[in-house]
Amino acid sequence: MTPKELCHAIMTRNNSGMETKGRDITGLLIRRLTVDDAEAAAELSGELGYPSPAEDLRERIEELSHTADRIAFAAVIDGQIVGWIDAAMERHLQYAASAVIGGLVVREDMRGLGVGRRLCVEVEEWARSKSVPVVRVRSQIKREDAHRFYLRDGYRQVKTSLVFEKPVL
């Protein structure tokens, strides 16, 4: 049985007998992302639109595993990584600390089953454990599906910005 078939087979039902797709996916494990996950994480990074070699991901995962202000979680079904999320604490003088989701991706054939929501919950709980009052996410203007996902998940749009960068190396 494929992971998607497994998720469909284990959908729960609410008190009215209606399907509650993605609310409690039995068999879904959320755990810390490790360097051993670099190959799968790189593949998913490509789906997100940011192709990177597995070795680069391995180095990034290793680096973030040594700091208390950054975290990455993997969503695993039947031993296969089907999604990941990473977040970091952001602290500035002008406003209170926040946890910022840097990336969230769920394998295309697994979307809509609640995997992304479960990954977000892990980051939200991580932020709470650090007494950080808000989780923030920035999303490209073209990612309309992602915008709908975050709005459904209780996030609210608070501003529209432009991003500027300047190479320094």
Protein backbone atom coordinates (compact mmCIF):
# COMPACT_ATOMS: atom_id res chain seq x y z
CA MET A 1 0.00 0.00 0.00
CA THR A 2 1.40 3.41 -0.94
CA PRO A 3 1.59 6.14 1.73
CA LYS A 4 -1.30 8.00 0.07
CA GLU A 5 -3.43 4.86 -0.01
CA LEU A 6 -2.60 4.31 3.64
CA CYS A 7 -3.70 7.84 4.51
CA HIS A 8 -6.97 7.40 2.63
CA ALA A 9 -7.56 4.07 4.35
CA ILE A 10 -7.11 5.56 7.81
CA MET A 11 -9.19 8.71 7.51
CA THR A 12 -11.14 9.23 10.67
CA ARG A 13 -14.80 10.12 11.01
CA ASN A 14 -16.24 12.79 13.27
CA ASN A 15 -19.33 12.38 15.49
CA SER A 16 -21.67 13.10 12.58
CA GLY A 17 -20.07 10.33 10.53
CA MET A 18 -18.45 12.75 8.07
CA GLU A 19 -14.86 12.21 7.03
CA THR A 20 -12.37 14.43 8.82
CA LYS A 21 -9.60 14.16 6.29
CA GLY A 22 -6.13 14.77 7.64
CA ARG A 23 -7.06 15.44 11.27
CA ASP A 24 -5.45 12.30 12.69
CA ILE A 25 -3.34 10.38 10.23
CA THR A 26 -2.46 7.14 11.98
CA GLY A 27 0.99 6.05 10.99
CA LEU A 28 2.22 9.60 10.43
CA LEU A 29 5.33 10.23 12.46
CA ILE A 30 6.65 13.76 12.97
CA ARG A 31 10.26 13.79 14.11
CA ARG A 32 13.37 15.91 13.90
CA LEU A 33 14.98 16.01 10.47
CA THR A 34 18.45 14.40 10.55
CA VAL A 35 21.44 14.37 8.24
CA ASP A 36 20.38 10.87 7.17
CA ASP A 37 17.29 12.52 5.64
CA ALA A 38 19.30 14.79 3.33
CA GLU A 39 18.54 12.86 0.12
CA ALA A 40 14.77 12.89 0.68
CA ALA A 41 14.87 16.49 1.93
CA ALA A 42 16.74 17.54 -1.22
CA GLU A 43 14.15 15.86 -3.43
CA LEU A 44 11.34 17.67 -1.60
CA SER A 45 13.27 20.94 -1.76
CA GLY A 46 13.18 20.56 -5.53
CA GLU A 47 9.38 20.18 -5.39
CA LEU A 48 9.29 23.43 -3.42
CA GLY A 49 11.19 25.11 -6.24
CA TYR A 50 14.59 25.25 -4.57
CA PRO A 51 16.68 22.41 -6.03
CA SER A 52 19.76 21.68 -3.95
CA PRO A 53 22.21 18.80 -3.91
CA ALA A 54 21.77 16.36 -1.02
CA GLU A 55 25.24 17.24 0.25
CA ASP A 56 24.21 20.90 0.65
CA LEU A 57 21.11 19.81 2.58
CA ARG A 58 23.24 17.50 4.72
CA GLU A 59 25.45 20.44 5.71
CA ARG A 60 22.46 22.71 6.43
CA ILE A 61 20.73 20.05 8.53
CA GLU A 62 23.95 19.44 10.46
CA GLU A 63 24.37 23.16 11.11
CA LEU A 64 20.81 23.75 12.31
CA SER A 65 20.96 20.70 14.59
CA HIS A 66 23.55 22.51 16.72
CA THR A 67 21.51 25.59 17.59
CA ALA A 68 18.55 26.04 19.91
CA ASP A 69 17.09 28.80 17.72
CA ARG A 70 16.46 26.65 14.64
CA ILE A 71 14.50 23.46 14.07
CA ALA A 72 13.49 21.15 11.24
CA PHE A 73 10.92 18.38 11.35
CA ALA A 74 10.24 15.50 8.97
CA ALA A 75 6.86 13.91 8.29
CA VAL A 76 7.31 10.16 7.83
CA ILE A 77 4.84 7.51 6.70
CA ASP A 78 5.94 3.89 6.33
CA GLY A 79 9.57 4.94 6.63
CA GLN A 80 9.28 7.45 3.77
CA ILE A 81 9.73 11.18 4.28
CA VAL A 82 6.67 12.82 2.80
CA GLY A 83 7.29 16.37 4.00
CA TRP A 84 9.46 18.69 6.03
CA ILE A 85 9.32 22.06 7.73
CA ASP A 86 12.04 24.29 9.09
CA ALA A 87 11.79 27.31 11.34
CA ALA A 88 14.04 29.77 13.13
CA MET A 89 13.70 32.31 15.88
CA GLU A 90 13.77 35.87 14.64
CA ARG A 91 14.53 38.69 17.03
CA HIS A 92 14.51 42.37 16.16
CA LEU A 93 14.44 45.57 18.17
CA GLN A 94 11.18 46.80 16.67
CA TYR A 95 8.93 43.87 17.65
CA ALA A 96 8.73 40.82 19.87
CA ALA A 97 10.47 37.60 18.93
CA SER A 98 8.75 35.29 16.49
CA ALA A 99 9.29 31.84 15.07
CA VAL A 100 9.52 32.06 11.29
CA ILE A 101 8.73 29.13 9.05
CA GLY A 102 11.50 29.15 6.46
CA GLY A 103 10.18 26.30 4.38
CA LEU A 104 7.31 23.82 4.33
CA VAL A 105 6.87 21.18 1.67
CA VAL A 106 4.71 18.08 1.42
CA ARG A 107 5.19 15.57 -1.36
CA GLU A 108 2.76 16.40 -4.15
CA ASP A 109 0.83 13.13 -3.95
CA MET A 110 0.38 13.59 -0.17
CA ARG A 111 -1.01 17.12 -0.16
CA GLY A 112 -4.46 17.72 1.28
CA LEU A 113 -4.19 14.92 3.84
CA GLY A 114 -3.19 17.01 6.87
CA VAL A 115 0.56 16.43 6.73
CA GLY A 116 1.37 20.13 6.36
CA ARG A 117 -0.95 21.00 9.21
CA ARG A 118 0.76 18.48 11.50
CA LEU A 119 4.16 19.91 10.60
CA CYS A 120 2.94 23.43 11.40
CA VAL A 121 1.61 22.21 14.77
CA GLU A 122 5.10 20.94 15.64
CA VAL A 123 6.61 24.36 14.91
CA GLU A 124 3.84 26.08 16.87
CA GLU A 125 4.49 23.81 19.87
CA TRP A 126 8.24 24.45 19.54
CA ALA A 127 7.61 28.21 19.57
CA ARG A 128 5.34 27.88 22.62
CA SER A 129 8.01 25.87 24.43
CA LYS A 130 10.36 28.82 23.89
CA SER A 131 7.72 31.35 25.07
CA VAL A 132 7.61 32.90 21.61
CA PRO A 133 4.17 34.47 21.05
CA VAL A 134 3.79 34.22 17.28
CA VAL A 135 4.67 32.02 14.31
CA ARG A 136 5.19 33.90 11.08
CA VAL A 137 5.53 32.69 7.51
CA ARG A 138 6.45 34.53 4.34
CA SER A 139 5.06 33.20 1.09
CA GLN A 140 5.76 34.21 -2.49
CA ILE A 141 2.90 36.06 -4.15
CA LYS A 142 2.56 33.30 -6.78
CA ARG A 143 1.97 30.52 -4.18
CA GLU A 144 -1.80 30.90 -4.01
CA ASP A 145 -2.37 27.32 -2.81
CA ALA A 146 0.02 27.95 0.08
CA HIS A 147 -1.80 31.19 0.94
CA ARG A 148 -5.12 29.33 1.14
CA PHE A 149 -3.48 26.62 3.28
CA TYR A 150 -2.12 29.12 5.82
CA LEU A 151 -5.39 31.08 5.98
CA ARG A 152 -7.34 27.85 6.59
CA ASP A 153 -4.82 26.98 9.27
CA GLY A 154 -5.51 30.17 11.25
CA TYR A 155 -2.72 32.38 9.98
CA ARG A 156 -3.70 35.86 8.85
CA GLN A 157 -2.15 38.06 6.24
CA VAL A 158 -0.62 41.05 7.99
CA LYS A 159 1.29 42.81 5.20
CA THR A 160 2.65 42.67 1.67
CA SER A 161 6.37 43.29 1.21
CA LEU A 162 9.11 43.35 -1.36
CA VAL A 163 12.33 41.48 -0.68
CA PHE A 164 15.69 43.01 -1.54
CA GLU A 165 19.05 41.32 -1.35
CA LYS A 166 22.62 42.25 -2.07
CA PRO A 167 25.40 39.71 -2.65
CA VAL A 168 28.30 40.27 -0.28
CA LEU A 169 30.55 37.30 -1.17
